[in-house]
Protein backbone atom coordinates (compact mmCIF):
# COMPACT_ATOMS: atom_id res chain seq x y z
CA MET A 1 18.02 23.30 28.37
CA ASN A 2 17.91 19.52 28.19
CA PHE A 3 15.76 19.61 25.03
CA LEU A 4 18.01 22.21 23.42
CA ASN A 5 21.09 20.06 23.98
CA GLY A 6 19.36 17.06 22.40
CA ILE A 7 18.19 18.99 19.34
CA THR A 8 21.68 20.45 18.97
CA LEU A 9 23.17 16.95 19.02
CA LEU A 10 20.70 15.77 16.35
CA LEU A 11 21.49 18.76 14.14
CA VAL A 12 25.24 18.33 14.61
CA TYR A 13 25.01 14.73 13.41
CA GLN A 14 22.90 15.87 10.44
CA LEU A 15 25.52 18.51 9.62
CA ILE A 16 28.35 15.99 9.88
CA GLY A 17 26.44 13.69 7.53
CA GLU A 18 25.86 16.51 5.03
CA VAL A 19 29.49 17.61 5.07
CA THR A 20 30.72 14.01 4.72
CA VAL A 21 28.40 13.33 1.77
CA ARG A 22 29.49 16.48 -0.02
CA LEU A 23 33.20 15.94 0.60
CA LEU A 24 33.21 12.26 -0.40
CA ALA A 25 30.50 12.54 -3.09
CA VAL A 26 28.59 9.64 -1.54
CA PRO A 27 25.25 9.01 -3.32
CA ILE A 28 23.11 8.95 -0.15
CA PRO A 29 21.37 11.82 1.65
CA GLY A 30 23.45 13.58 4.29
CA PRO A 31 20.80 13.28 7.02
CA VAL A 32 20.66 9.52 6.47
CA LEU A 33 24.43 9.22 6.88
CA GLY A 34 24.24 11.42 9.98
CA MET A 35 21.52 9.16 11.39
CA VAL A 36 23.68 6.08 10.76
CA MET A 37 26.59 7.79 12.52
CA LEU A 38 24.36 8.67 15.47
CA PHE A 39 23.11 5.08 15.61
CA LEU A 40 26.66 3.72 15.63
CA THR A 41 27.64 6.19 18.35
CA LEU A 42 24.69 5.12 20.50
CA MET A 43 25.48 1.44 19.92
CA ILE A 44 29.07 1.99 21.04
CA ARG A 45 28.00 3.99 24.11
CA GLY A 46 25.34 1.44 25.01
CA TYR A 47 22.73 3.98 26.12
CA THR A 48 20.90 7.11 24.97
CA PRO A 49 21.76 10.33 26.83
CA GLU A 50 18.79 11.97 28.54
CA PRO A 51 18.89 15.19 26.45
CA LEU A 52 18.78 13.16 23.24
CA GLN A 53 15.98 10.98 24.63
CA ASN A 54 13.92 14.06 25.54
CA ALA A 55 14.46 15.76 22.19
CA SER A 56 13.65 12.66 20.14
CA THR A 57 10.52 11.94 22.20
CA ALA A 58 9.32 15.52 21.72
CA LEU A 59 9.94 15.36 17.96
CA LEU A 60 8.15 12.04 17.64
CA SER A 61 5.15 13.33 19.60
CA HIS A 62 4.75 16.12 17.01
CA LEU A 63 5.65 14.02 13.97
CA SER A 64 2.32 14.68 12.23
CA LEU A 65 3.22 18.38 11.93
CA LEU A 66 6.23 17.45 9.83
CA PHE A 67 3.90 16.05 7.14
CA VAL A 68 2.13 19.39 6.58
CA PRO A 69 4.66 20.62 3.97
CA ALA A 70 4.31 17.34 2.06
CA GLY A 71 0.52 17.71 2.04
CA VAL A 72 0.79 21.28 0.76
CA GLY A 73 3.16 20.08 -1.97
CA MET A 74 0.65 17.45 -3.03
CA MET A 75 -2.09 20.07 -3.33
CA ALA A 76 0.20 22.32 -5.36
CA HIS A 77 0.82 19.48 -7.85
CA PHE A 78 -2.66 17.96 -7.75
CA GLY A 79 -3.12 18.27 -11.53
CA ARG A 80 0.03 16.29 -12.25
CA ILE A 81 -0.93 13.65 -9.69
CA ALA A 82 -4.34 13.33 -11.33
CA ASP A 83 -2.72 12.91 -14.76
CA GLU A 84 -0.21 10.30 -13.60
CA TRP A 85 -2.22 8.46 -10.95
CA LEU A 86 -1.54 4.94 -12.28
CA PRO A 87 2.30 5.00 -12.19
CA ILE A 88 2.21 6.80 -8.84
CA THR A 89 -0.19 4.21 -7.38
CA LEU A 90 1.88 1.31 -8.72
CA ALA A 91 5.09 2.82 -7.36
CA LEU A 92 3.54 3.36 -3.93
CA PHE A 93 2.03 -0.12 -3.83
CA LEU A 94 5.17 -1.94 -4.99
CA SER A 95 7.50 0.08 -2.76
CA THR A 96 5.25 -0.64 0.23
CA ILE A 97 5.29 -4.39 -0.49
CA ILE A 98 9.08 -4.39 -1.02
CA THR A 99 9.60 -2.43 2.20
CA MET A 100 7.39 -4.81 4.20
CA VAL A 101 9.19 -7.87 2.84
CA ALA A 102 12.62 -6.33 3.47
CA THR A 103 11.63 -5.29 6.99
CA ALA A 104 10.32 -8.77 7.78
CA GLY A 105 13.53 -10.34 6.48
CA ILE A 106 15.73 -7.96 8.45
CA MET A 107 13.68 -8.59 11.60
CA GLN A 108 14.10 -12.35 11.21
CA VAL A 109 17.85 -12.05 10.69
CA THR A 110 18.35 -9.66 13.61
CA SER A 111 16.08 -11.71 15.87
CA ARG A 112 18.25 -14.76 15.26
CA TRP A 113 21.39 -12.66 15.63
CA PHE A 114 20.38 -11.20 18.99
CA ALA A 115 18.60 -14.30 20.31
CA ARG A 116 20.32 -15.72 23.34
CA PRO A 117 20.18 -19.42 24.13
CA GLU A 118 18.29 -20.31 27.29
CA GLN A 119 20.43 -21.22 30.28
CA GLY A 120 19.98 -24.70 31.78
CA GLY A 121 17.45 -26.06 29.29
CA GLY A 122 14.56 -24.04 30.70
CA GLN A 123 14.56 -25.64 34.16
CA ALA A 124 15.07 -23.61 37.30
CA ASP A 125 17.98 -24.57 39.56
CA GLU A 126 17.02 -25.36 43.12
C-alpha cells in the first residue's frame, strides 16, 4: 500500500501540472511543471514521505525499462535517422556539451549558496 500511495502522489502532481499548463497556456510540459511543484512542496516540508521515497526508488531501479519505447521508436524511424545522421549527431553532441556546462555552472552556484562557513576557524574548542 505504501508504494501505491507514493505512485498516486506522483501521478497527482503530474495531473496538476498538466491541468495548470493547459489552463494557463504555459509553454512547458505539464509533467515538468508538476515535478517543480513536487520539488517545492518537498523543500517546504523539509523531508520526503516514506511512500514517495519507496515509489521513487522502485521507479528508479527499473528506469531502463522506460527507455524501451524510445528504442522501438528509433527502430521504426531508422531510415530517417540514417538519412539525417549529421544534424542529429551535431544536435546530440552540442546539447550534451551545453547541458554539462549548465549543470557545472548550476552546481557551482548552488554549492556556494548552500555552503556554510566553518565555526571557530576550524579549531576544536576544549
